[in-house]
Amino acid sequence: MQLDSTTTETRPEAMGDVPGICELPLTRAVVQYRDLHEMDAAGGRIEDIGLALVIEGKFASTAEVVDLGSGSVKVLDLSTELVVLDWVYDPTIEHVAELITASAATRQSEELQSYSRQLGLRVLERIGFGPLSRPTFLRVGFRDICRDLDLHEGTSIRFVLGPGRLTRAHLDYDACALVFRTAFAEPDGQLEHALSVAFPEADLHREDPCSPTEAVSYHVRLPIPTSLVETRQVLGRMRRGLAALMARFEADRYVSVETLMETFGARETLASLQIYEPSVKTVRVRPPIAGSQVVH
């Protein structure tokens, strides 16, 4: 018997509120989520890594997930711009659900947080580094930098440039660019010079405001990494440049931060991942100098 595709009784319940996008339930999926997926407060907390396991994904517009960095339970709207990186087995989802229930009953989430972190790292090791997983690797690495230089609730680093002059730096994970937001509508020449010195090989851009209520921001664009090794190198350049800015504008604060890192060491979660990468060495080829001859 031929079924009519328009018959509502034959349509799966999964993703039924988002016609034409997907016909599979998202339960058990490991997904990337961004600010646009957040249904409550905006994302960007220091413990979150933007990688989540979907606990209940019957409807994409109200998917219940647990972040694989913080272990916090969120309700997200996953109906647009969704990236599914992996799937877990039923026993894993059942165990996570048991941990969520136990943490709610005892109001202690340490076991859920610990298991979520371990699961997140195992997922990253399994899927490896690629164009789709790159933002997550960058977010994990930048989180370590924030925790070393300026630990607070958000994933950003604050700099006091002078009296009444504050800027915050966060990472655009897709563009691999540090974004420095100021509080003024006019260009900041001192900050521009400091950024050019701290990041000499980066591509520095100023974003001028479109309205009187907006402020100037600066984008420090770094090379988009193509491997985990390159990702760690780029993050190392970010760390050194941000530390140089702190030493320039807040010397006393830099001394205390440097002392702590010398004592406990710098955080680098990506160094603990066991990911196979081809042992291919690349050498940058510079363009020939004007007037020189090319030997064939």
C-alpha atoms as a PDB file:
ATOM      1  CA  MET A   1       0.000   0.000   0.000  1.00  0.00           C
ATOM      2  CA  GLN A   2       1.395   3.388  -0.969  1.00  0.00           C
ATOM      3  CA  LEU A   3       1.369   5.942   1.829  1.00  0.00           C
ATOM      4  CA  ASP A   4       0.440   9.557   1.270  1.00  0.00           C
ATOM      5  CA  SER A   5       3.388  11.748   2.313  1.00  0.00           C
ATOM      6  CA  THR A   6       0.973  14.433   3.482  1.00  0.00           C
ATOM      7  CA  THR A   7      -0.789  12.164   5.975  1.00  0.00           C
ATOM      8  CA  THR A   8      -0.005  13.520   9.449  1.00  0.00           C
ATOM      9  CA  GLU A   9      -0.415  10.094  11.106  1.00  0.00           C
ATOM     10  CA  THR A  10       2.621   8.739   9.243  1.00  0.00           C
ATOM     11  CA  ARG A  11       4.893  11.657  10.190  1.00  0.00           C
ATOM     12  CA  PRO A  12       7.403  10.843  12.942  1.00  0.00           C
ATOM     13  CA  GLU A  13       7.020  12.855  16.134  1.00  0.00           C
ATOM     14  CA  ALA A  14      10.713  13.725  16.194  1.00  0.00           C
ATOM     15  CA  MET A  15      11.378  17.231  14.929  1.00  0.00           C
ATOM     16  CA  GLY A  16       7.667  17.513  14.161  1.00  0.00           C
ATOM     17  CA  ASP A  17       7.727  21.185  15.101  1.00  0.00           C
ATOM     18  CA  VAL A  18      10.366  21.925  12.435  1.00  0.00           C
ATOM     19  CA  PRO A  19       8.896  20.623   9.152  1.00  0.00           C
ATOM     20  CA  GLY A  20      11.330  19.726   6.420  1.00  0.00           C
ATOM     21  CA  ILE A  21      14.527  20.068   8.469  1.00  0.00           C
ATOM     22  CA  CYS A  22      15.070  16.614   9.970  1.00  0.00           C
ATOM     23  CA  GLU A  23      13.088  13.466  10.639  1.00  0.00           C
ATOM     24  CA  LEU A  24      15.339  11.924  13.316  1.00  0.00           C
ATOM     25  CA  PRO A  25      15.152  12.439  17.096  1.00  0.00           C
ATOM     26  CA  LEU A  26      18.170  14.253  18.498  1.00  0.00           C
ATOM     27  CA  THR A  27      18.257  12.201  21.697  1.00  0.00           C
ATOM     28  CA  ARG A  28      21.786  10.748  22.162  1.00  0.00           C
ATOM     29  CA  ALA A  29      23.303  13.326  19.771  1.00  0.00           C
ATOM     30  CA  VAL A  30      26.414  15.318  20.669  1.00  0.00           C
ATOM     31  CA  VAL A  31      25.902  18.785  19.239  1.00  0.00           C
ATOM     32  CA  GLN A  32      27.626  22.148  19.091  1.00  0.00           C
ATOM     33  CA  TYR A  33      25.525  24.974  20.436  1.00  0.00           C
ATOM     34  CA  ARG A  34      25.997  28.746  20.292  1.00  0.00           C
ATOM     35  CA  ASP A  35      24.405  31.841  21.763  1.00  0.00           C
ATOM     36  CA  LEU A  36      21.593  31.648  19.218  1.00  0.00           C
ATOM     37  CA  HIS A  37      20.585  28.265  20.641  1.00  0.00           C
ATOM     38  CA  GLU A  38      20.317  29.530  24.222  1.00  0.00           C
ATOM     39  CA  MET A  39      16.708  29.958  25.319  1.00  0.00           C
ATOM     40  CA  ASP A  40      17.483  31.600  28.661  1.00  0.00           C
ATOM     41  CA  ALA A  41      20.554  33.659  29.472  1.00  0.00           C
ATOM     42  CA  ALA A  42      23.203  34.022  26.795  1.00  0.00           C
ATOM     43  CA  GLY A  43      26.002  31.440  26.766  1.00  0.00           C
ATOM     44  CA  GLY A  44      29.698  32.001  27.217  1.00  0.00           C
ATOM     45  CA  ARG A  45      30.135  30.841  30.828  1.00  0.00           C
ATOM     46  CA  ILE A  46      33.677  29.850  31.719  1.00  0.00           C
ATOM     47  CA  GLU A  47      32.767  26.213  32.478  1.00  0.00           C
ATOM     48  CA  ASP A  48      30.747  25.619  29.298  1.00  0.00           C
ATOM     49  CA  ILE A  49      32.473  24.382  26.147  1.00  0.00           C
ATOM     50  CA  GLY A  50      29.584  24.662  23.695  1.00  0.00           C
ATOM     51  CA  LEU A  51      29.465  20.874  23.273  1.00  0.00           C
ATOM     52  CA  ALA A  52      26.354  19.205  24.611  1.00  0.00           C
ATOM     53  CA  LEU A  53      24.739  15.798  24.863  1.00  0.00           C
ATOM     54  CA  VAL A  54      21.033  15.842  24.008  1.00  0.00           C
ATOM     55  CA  ILE A  55      19.069  14.115  26.766  1.00  0.00           C
ATOM     56  CA  GLU A  56      15.624  14.671  25.318  1.00  0.00           C
ATOM     57  CA  GLY A  57      15.450  15.680  21.650  1.00  0.00           C
ATOM     58  CA  LYS A  58      11.953  14.767  20.597  1.00  0.00           C
ATOM     59  CA  PHE A  59      11.302  18.373  19.561  1.00  0.00           C
ATOM     60  CA  ALA A  60      14.184  20.526  18.295  1.00  0.00           C
ATOM     61  CA  SER A  61      12.689  23.738  19.639  1.00  0.00           C
ATOM     62  CA  THR A  62      12.839  22.500  23.256  1.00  0.00           C
ATOM     63  CA  ALA A  63      15.765  20.092  23.489  1.00  0.00           C
ATOM     64  CA  GLU A  64      17.113  19.245  26.933  1.00  0.00           C
ATOM     65  CA  VAL A  65      20.899  18.876  26.951  1.00  0.00           C
ATOM     66  CA  VAL A  66      23.828  18.664  29.345  1.00  0.00           C
ATOM     67  CA  ASP A  67      26.960  20.676  28.584  1.00  0.00           C
ATOM     68  CA  LEU A  68      30.011  18.408  28.376  1.00  0.00           C
ATOM     69  CA  GLY A  69      32.217  20.962  30.081  1.00  0.00           C
ATOM     70  CA  SER A  70      30.213  22.200  33.033  1.00  0.00           C
ATOM     71  CA  GLY A  71      27.715  19.352  33.401  1.00  0.00           C
ATOM     72  CA  SER A  72      24.921  21.919  33.604  1.00  0.00           C
ATOM     73  CA  VAL A  73      21.506  21.003  32.212  1.00  0.00           C
ATOM     74  CA  LYS A  74      20.148  23.429  29.621  1.00  0.00           C
ATOM     75  CA  VAL A  75      17.090  23.752  27.417  1.00  0.00           C
ATOM     76  CA  LEU A  76      18.156  24.789  23.917  1.00  0.00           C
ATOM     77  CA  ASP A  77      16.509  25.607  20.624  1.00  0.00           C
ATOM     78  CA  LEU A  78      18.343  23.387  18.134  1.00  0.00           C
ATOM     79  CA  SER A  79      16.071  24.005  15.163  1.00  0.00           C
ATOM     80  CA  THR A  80      18.583  26.124  13.186  1.00  0.00           C
ATOM     81  CA  GLU A  81      22.270  25.964  12.215  1.00  0.00           C
ATOM     82  CA  LEU A  82      22.749  22.673  13.997  1.00  0.00           C
ATOM     83  CA  VAL A  83      26.036  20.732  13.927  1.00  0.00           C
ATOM     84  CA  VAL A  84      25.824  17.111  15.123  1.00  0.00           C
ATOM     85  CA  LEU A  85      29.327  15.820  15.839  1.00  0.00           C
ATOM     86  CA  ASP A  86      28.674  12.406  17.315  1.00  0.00           C
ATOM     87  CA  TRP A  87      26.192  10.001  18.921  1.00  0.00           C
ATOM     88  CA  VAL A  88      26.422   8.058  22.182  1.00  0.00           C
ATOM     89  CA  TYR A  89      24.998   4.651  23.064  1.00  0.00           C
ATOM     90  CA  ASP A  90      21.832   4.125  25.084  1.00  0.00           C
ATOM     91  CA  PRO A  91      23.674   3.010  28.273  1.00  0.00           C
ATOM     92  CA  THR A  92      25.582   6.316  28.265  1.00  0.00           C
ATOM     93  CA  ILE A  93      22.452   8.425  27.983  1.00  0.00           C
ATOM     94  CA  GLU A  94      20.794   6.337  30.697  1.00  0.00           C
ATOM     95  CA  HIS A  95      23.765   6.827  33.029  1.00  0.00           C
ATOM     96  CA  VAL A  96      23.786  10.591  32.434  1.00  0.00           C
ATOM     97  CA  ALA A  97      20.055  10.720  33.148  1.00  0.00           C
ATOM     98  CA  GLU A  98      20.633   8.852  36.438  1.00  0.00           C
ATOM     99  CA  LEU A  99      23.373  11.329  37.398  1.00  0.00           C
ATOM    100  CA  ILE A 100      21.075  14.263  36.625  1.00  0.00           C
ATOM    101  CA  THR A 101      18.350  12.762  38.816  1.00  0.00           C
ATOM    102  CA  ALA A 102      20.812  12.088  41.630  1.00  0.00           C
ATOM    103  CA  SER A 103      22.285  15.591  41.471  1.00  0.00           C
ATOM    104  CA  ALA A 104      18.805  17.121  41.594  1.00  0.00           C
ATOM    105  CA  ALA A 105      17.903  15.012  44.632  1.00  0.00           C
ATOM    106  CA  THR A 106      21.113  15.687  46.592  1.00  0.00           C
ATOM    107  CA  ARG A 107      21.821  19.146  45.139  1.00  0.00           C
ATOM    108  CA  GLN A 108      25.396  18.012  44.547  1.00  0.00           C
ATOM    109  CA  SER A 109      26.535  17.930  40.929  1.00  0.00           C
ATOM    110  CA  GLU A 110      30.213  17.021  41.321  1.00  0.00           C
ATOM    111  CA  GLU A 111      29.777  13.492  39.942  1.00  0.00           C
ATOM    112  CA  LEU A 112      27.736  14.761  36.991  1.00  0.00           C
ATOM    113  CA  GLN A 113      30.309  17.459  36.235  1.00  0.00           C
ATOM    114  CA  SER A 114      33.216  15.017  36.427  1.00  0.00           C
ATOM    115  CA  TYR A 115      31.542  12.456  34.172  1.00  0.00           C
ATOM    116  CA  SER A 116      30.473  15.131  31.684  1.00  0.00           C
ATOM    117  CA  ARG A 117      34.016  16.481  31.386  1.00  0.00           C
ATOM    118  CA  GLN A 118      35.437  13.005  30.827  1.00  0.00           C
ATOM    119  CA  LEU A 119      32.749  12.239  28.258  1.00  0.00           C
ATOM    120  CA  GLY A 120      33.418  15.509  26.441  1.00  0.00           C
ATOM    121  CA  LEU A 121      37.139  14.773  26.162  1.00  0.00           C
ATOM    122  CA  ARG A 122      36.463  11.217  24.944  1.00  0.00           C
ATOM    123  CA  VAL A 123      34.096  12.565  22.289  1.00  0.00           C
ATOM    124  CA  LEU A 124      36.732  15.040  21.077  1.00  0.00           C
ATOM    125  CA  GLU A 125      39.302  12.263  20.894  1.00  0.00           C
ATOM    126  CA  ARG A 126      36.915  10.055  18.933  1.00  0.00           C
ATOM    127  CA  ILE A 127      35.818  12.630  16.354  1.00  0.00           C
ATOM    128  CA  GLY A 128      39.281  14.173  16.066  1.00  0.00           C
ATOM    129  CA  PHE A 129      40.142  17.579  14.680  1.00  0.00           C
ATOM    130  CA  GLY A 130      38.331  18.880  11.608  1.00  0.00           C
ATOM    131  CA  PRO A 131      36.514  21.903  10.184  1.00  0.00           C
ATOM    132  CA  LEU A 132      33.342  21.071  12.135  1.00  0.00           C
ATOM    133  CA  SER A 133      35.051  20.396  15.472  1.00  0.00           C
ATOM    134  CA  ARG A 134      37.563  23.285  15.194  1.00  0.00           C
ATOM    135  CA  PRO A 135      35.379  25.814  17.083  1.00  0.00           C
ATOM    136  CA  THR A 136      35.057  23.438  20.027  1.00  0.00           C
ATOM    137  CA  PHE A 137      38.810  22.849  20.232  1.00  0.00           C
ATOM    138  CA  LEU A 138      39.417  26.613  20.122  1.00  0.00           C
ATOM    139  CA  ARG A 139      36.806  27.192  22.816  1.00  0.00           C
ATOM    140  CA  VAL A 140      38.339  24.575  25.108  1.00  0.00           C
ATOM    141  CA  GLY A 141      41.800  26.096  24.650  1.00  0.00           C
ATOM    142  CA  PHE A 142      40.661  29.687  25.088  1.00  0.00           C
ATOM    143  CA  ARG A 143      38.789  28.699  28.243  1.00  0.00           C
ATOM    144  CA  ASP A 144      42.115  27.609  29.737  1.00  0.00           C
ATOM    145  CA  ILE A 145      43.648  30.989  28.886  1.00  0.00           C
ATOM    146  CA  CYS A 146      40.745  32.830  30.524  1.00  0.00           C
ATOM    147  CA  ARG A 147      41.001  30.723  33.669  1.00  0.00           C
ATOM    148  CA  ASP A 148      44.712  31.519  33.938  1.00  0.00           C
ATOM    149  CA  LEU A 149      44.565  35.242  33.170  1.00  0.00           C
ATOM    150  CA  ASP A 150      41.126  36.374  34.372  1.00  0.00           C
ATOM    151  CA  LEU A 151      38.953  33.784  36.088  1.00  0.00           C
ATOM    152  CA  HIS A 152      35.338  34.912  36.358  1.00  0.00           C
ATOM    153  CA  GLU A 153      31.912  33.743  35.209  1.00  0.00           C
ATOM    154  CA  GLY A 154      32.314  34.721  31.553  1.00  0.00           C
ATOM    155  CA  THR A 155      34.687  33.453  28.866  1.00  0.00           C
ATOM    156  CA  SER A 156      36.512  36.742  28.338  1.00  0.00           C
ATOM    157  CA  ILE A 157      39.491  38.694  29.646  1.00  0.00           C
ATOM    158  CA  ARG A 158      39.148  42.217  31.017  1.00  0.00           C
ATOM    159  CA  PHE A 159      41.798  44.900  30.706  1.00  0.00           C
ATOM    160  CA  VAL A 160      41.875  48.272  32.463  1.00  0.00           C
ATOM    161  CA  LEU A 161      43.695  50.550  30.029  1.00  0.00           C
ATOM    162  CA  GLY A 162      43.422  53.613  32.243  1.00  0.00           C
ATOM    163  CA  PRO A 163      40.905  55.622  34.289  1.00  0.00           C
ATOM    164  CA  GLY A 164      37.478  54.838  32.872  1.00  0.00           C
ATOM    165  CA  ARG A 165      38.949  52.837  29.983  1.00  0.00           C
ATOM    166  CA  LEU A 166      37.957  49.175  30.076  1.00  0.00           C
ATOM    167  CA  THR A 167      38.064  46.616  27.286  1.00  0.00           C
ATOM    168  CA  ARG A 168      37.004  42.985  27.185  1.00  0.00           C
ATOM    169  CA  ALA A 169      38.546  40.372  24.911  1.00  0.00           C
ATOM    170  CA  HIS A 170      36.686  37.276  23.776  1.00  0.00           C
ATOM    171  CA  LEU A 171      37.316  34.789  20.992  1.00  0.00           C
ATOM    172  CA  ASP A 172      35.282  34.466  17.812  1.00  0.00           C
ATOM    173  CA  TYR A 173      35.641  30.693  17.476  1.00  0.00           C
ATOM    174  CA  ASP A 174      34.491  30.509  13.859  1.00  0.00           C
ATOM    175  CA  ALA A 175      36.790  33.264  12.568  1.00  0.00           C
ATOM    176  CA  CYS A 176      39.667  32.507  14.988  1.00  0.00           C
ATOM    177  CA  ALA A 177      39.764  36.192  15.914  1.00  0.00           C
ATOM    178  CA  LEU A 178      40.191  37.911  19.260  1.00  0.00           C
ATOM    179  CA  VAL A 179      37.560  40.627  19.634  1.00  0.00           C
ATOM    180  CA  PHE A 180      38.324  43.600  21.893  1.00  0.00           C
ATOM    181  CA  ARG A 181      35.245  45.644  22.761  1.00  0.00           C
ATOM    182  CA  THR A 182      35.689  49.178  24.026  1.00  0.00           C
ATOM    183  CA  ALA A 183      33.224  51.562  25.657  1.00  0.00           C
ATOM    184  CA  PHE A 184      33.811  54.485  23.309  1.00  0.00           C
ATOM    185  CA  ALA A 185      32.574  55.506  19.880  1.00  0.00           C
ATOM    186  CA  GLU A 186      35.959  56.949  18.882  1.00  0.00           C
ATOM    187  CA  PRO A 187      39.077  54.963  17.865  1.00  0.00           C
ATOM    188  CA  ASP A 188      41.543  54.231  20.658  1.00  0.00           C
ATOM    189  CA  GLY A 189      45.002  54.939  19.275  1.00  0.00           C
ATOM    190  CA  GLN A 190      46.772  53.651  22.373  1.00  0.00           C
ATOM    191  CA  LEU A 191      44.948  50.324  22.225  1.00  0.00           C
ATOM    192  CA  GLU A 192      45.529  50.032  18.481  1.00  0.00           C
ATOM    193  CA  HIS A 193      49.279  50.458  18.974  1.00  0.00           C
ATOM    194  CA  ALA A 194      49.328  48.008  21.882  1.00  0.00           C
ATOM    195  CA  LEU A 195      47.493  45.366  19.824  1.00  0.00           C
ATOM    196  CA  SER A 196      49.861  45.778  16.878  1.00  0.00           C
ATOM    197  CA  VAL A 197      52.827  45.247  19.220  1.00  0.00           C
ATOM    198  CA  ALA A 198      51.306  42.318  21.134  1.00  0.00           C
ATOM    199  CA  PHE A 199      50.170  40.536  17.949  1.00  0.00           C
ATOM    200  CA  PRO A 200      52.700  41.579  15.282  1.00  0.00           C
ATOM    201  CA  GLU A 201      51.812  38.839  12.772  1.00  0.00           C
ATOM    202  CA  ALA A 202      48.023  39.083  13.156  1.00  0.00           C
ATOM    203  CA  ASP A 203      45.606  40.904  10.894  1.00  0.00           C
ATOM    204  CA  LEU A 204      44.235  43.847  12.909  1.00  0.00           C
ATOM    205  CA  HIS A 205      40.883  45.417  11.983  1.00  0.00           C
ATOM    206  CA  ARG A 206      38.798  48.122  13.595  1.00  0.00           C
ATOM    207  CA  GLU A 207      35.015  47.840  13.521  1.00  0.00           C
ATOM    208  CA  ASP A 208      33.480  51.305  13.673  1.00  0.00           C
ATOM    209  CA  PRO A 209      30.024  51.745  15.254  1.00  0.00           C
ATOM    210  CA  CYS A 210      26.964  52.009  13.032  1.00  0.00           C
ATOM    211  CA  SER A 211      24.947  54.013  15.548  1.00  0.00           C
ATOM    212  CA  PRO A 212      25.689  56.465  18.393  1.00  0.00           C
ATOM    213  CA  THR A 213      24.807  53.822  20.984  1.00  0.00           C
ATOM    214  CA  GLU A 214      27.455  51.357  19.779  1.00  0.00           C
ATOM    215  CA  ALA A 215      31.182  51.359  20.521  1.00  0.00           C
ATOM    216  CA  VAL A 216      34.383  50.666  18.620  1.00  0.00           C
ATOM    217  CA  SER A 217      35.742  47.115  18.625  1.00  0.00           C
ATOM    218  CA  TYR A 218      38.989  45.650  17.340  1.00  0.00           C
ATOM    219  CA  HIS A 219      39.387  42.257  15.691  1.00  0.00           C
ATOM    220  CA  VAL A 220      42.751  40.502  15.880  1.00  0.00           C
ATOM    221  CA  ARG A 221      42.511  37.837  13.179  1.00  0.00           C
ATOM    222  CA  LEU A 222      44.884  34.896  13.499  1.00  0.00           C
ATOM    223  CA  PRO A 223      45.462  32.072  10.991  1.00  0.00           C
ATOM    224  CA  ILE A 224      42.677  29.497  11.023  1.00  0.00           C
ATOM    225  CA  PRO A 225      44.316  26.251  12.231  1.00  0.00           C
ATOM    226  CA  THR A 226      44.009  23.083  10.178  1.00  0.00           C
ATOM    227  CA  SER A 227      45.215  20.620  12.823  1.00  0.00           C
ATOM    228  CA  LEU A 228      45.379  20.199  16.573  1.00  0.00           C
ATOM    229  CA  VAL A 229      49.068  21.094  16.542  1.00  0.00           C
ATOM    230  CA  GLU A 230      48.353  24.353  14.736  1.00  0.00           C
ATOM    231  CA  THR A 231      45.471  25.038  17.119  1.00  0.00           C
ATOM    232  CA  ARG A 232      47.784  24.798  20.114  1.00  0.00           C
ATOM    233  CA  GLN A 233      50.287  27.046  18.373  1.00  0.00           C
ATOM    234  CA  VAL A 234      47.647  29.687  17.627  1.00  0.00           C
ATOM    235  CA  LEU A 235      46.369  29.518  21.202  1.00  0.00           C
ATOM    236  CA  GLY A 236      49.938  29.935  22.416  1.00  0.00           C
ATOM    237  CA  ARG A 237      50.242  33.135  20.397  1.00  0.00           C
ATOM    238  CA  MET A 238      46.964  34.358  21.883  1.00  0.00           C
ATOM    239  CA  ARG A 239      48.206  33.635  25.393  1.00  0.00           C
ATOM    240  CA  ARG A 240      51.512  35.448  24.866  1.00  0.00           C
ATOM    241  CA  GLY A 241      49.819  38.460  23.259  1.00  0.00           C
ATOM    242  CA  LEU A 242      47.177  38.760  25.983  1.00  0.00           C
ATOM    243  CA  ALA A 243      49.824  38.426  28.680  1.00  0.00           C
ATOM    244  CA  ALA A 244      51.849  41.185  26.976  1.00  0.00           C
ATOM    245  CA  LEU A 245      48.799  43.474  27.052  1.00  0.00           C
ATOM    246  CA  MET A 246      48.319  42.790  30.750  1.00  0.00           C
ATOM    247  CA  ALA A 247      51.993  43.492  31.459  1.00  0.00           C
ATOM    248  CA  ARG A 248      51.708  46.780  29.560  1.00  0.00           C
ATOM    249  CA  PHE A 249      48.512  48.145  31.106  1.00  0.00           C
ATOM    250  CA  GLU A 250      48.284  46.347  34.465  1.00  0.00           C
ATOM    251  CA  ALA A 251      51.802  45.514  35.593  1.00  0.00           C
ATOM    252  CA  ASP A 252      50.925  44.631  39.197  1.00  0.00           C
ATOM    253  CA  ARG A 253      48.148  42.299  38.115  1.00  0.00           C
ATOM    254  CA  TYR A 254      50.466  40.647  35.592  1.00  0.00           C
ATOM    255  CA  VAL A 255      53.082  39.955  38.270  1.00  0.00           C
ATOM    256  CA  SER A 256      50.554  38.148  40.466  1.00  0.00           C
ATOM    257  CA  VAL A 257      49.176  36.141  37.521  1.00  0.00           C
ATOM    258  CA  GLU A 258      52.673  35.217  36.346  1.00  0.00           C
ATOM    259  CA  THR A 259      53.594  34.060  39.854  1.00  0.00           C
ATOM    260  CA  LEU A 260      50.578  31.756  39.991  1.00  0.00           C
ATOM    261  CA  MET A 261      51.340  30.244  36.568  1.00  0.00           C
ATOM    262  CA  GLU A 262      54.980  29.690  37.510  1.00  0.00           C
ATOM    263  CA  THR A 263      53.811  27.880  40.636  1.00  0.00           C
ATOM    264  CA  PHE A 264      50.969  25.771  39.245  1.00  0.00           C
ATOM    265  CA  GLY A 265      51.723  25.840  35.517  1.00  0.00           C
ATOM    266  CA  ALA A 266      49.568  27.015  32.642  1.00  0.00           C
ATOM    267  CA  ARG A 267      46.389  25.108  31.904  1.00  0.00           C
ATOM    268  CA  GLU A 268      46.366  23.278  28.574  1.00  0.00           C
ATOM    269  CA  THR A 269      43.542  20.772  28.319  1.00  0.00           C
ATOM    270  CA  LEU A 270      44.248  20.099  24.642  1.00  0.00           C
ATOM    271  CA  ALA A 271      47.677  18.682  25.527  1.00  0.00           C
ATOM    272  CA  SER A 272      46.003  15.753  27.298  1.00  0.00           C
ATOM    273  CA  LEU A 273      44.000  14.630  24.257  1.00  0.00           C
ATOM    274  CA  GLN A 274      45.156  11.511  22.451  1.00  0.00           C
ATOM    275  CA  ILE A 275      44.351  12.338  18.839  1.00  0.00           C
ATOM    276  CA  TYR A 276      46.119  10.767  15.898  1.00  0.00           C
ATOM    277  CA  GLU A 277      47.325  13.233  13.283  1.00  0.00           C
ATOM    278  CA  PRO A 278      49.405  12.459  10.187  1.00  0.00           C
ATOM    279  CA  SER A 279      53.063  13.290  10.762  1.00  0.00           C
ATOM    280  CA  VAL A 280      53.279  15.742   7.877  1.00  0.00           C
ATOM    281  CA  LYS A 281      55.578  18.720   8.188  1.00  0.00           C
ATOM    282  CA  THR A 282      54.698  21.853   6.272  1.00  0.00           C
ATOM    283  CA  VAL A 283      57.028  24.736   5.484  1.00  0.00           C
ATOM    284  CA  ARG A 284      55.753  28.192   4.699  1.00  0.00           C
ATOM    285  CA  VAL A 285      56.761  29.299   1.216  1.00  0.00           C
ATOM    286  CA  ARG A 286      57.243  33.049   1.001  1.00  0.00           C
ATOM    287  CA  PRO A 287      56.567  34.924  -2.243  1.00  0.00           C
ATOM    288  CA  PRO A 288      59.697  35.847  -4.205  1.00  0.00           C
ATOM    289  CA  ILE A 289      61.209  39.255  -3.589  1.00  0.00           C
ATOM    290  CA  ALA A 290      60.457  41.810  -6.315  1.00  0.00           C
ATOM    291  CA  GLY A 291      63.170  41.815  -8.961  1.00  0.00           C
ATOM    292  CA  SER A 292      64.546  38.388  -8.077  1.00  0.00           C
ATOM    293  CA  GLN A 293      64.782  35.621 -10.624  1.00  0.00           C
ATOM    294  CA  VAL A 294      62.900  32.377 -10.272  1.00  0.00           C
ATOM    295  CA  VAL A 295      64.976  29.276 -11.015  1.00  0.00           C
ATOM    296  CA  HIS A 296      63.033  26.522 -12.800  1.00  0.00           C
END
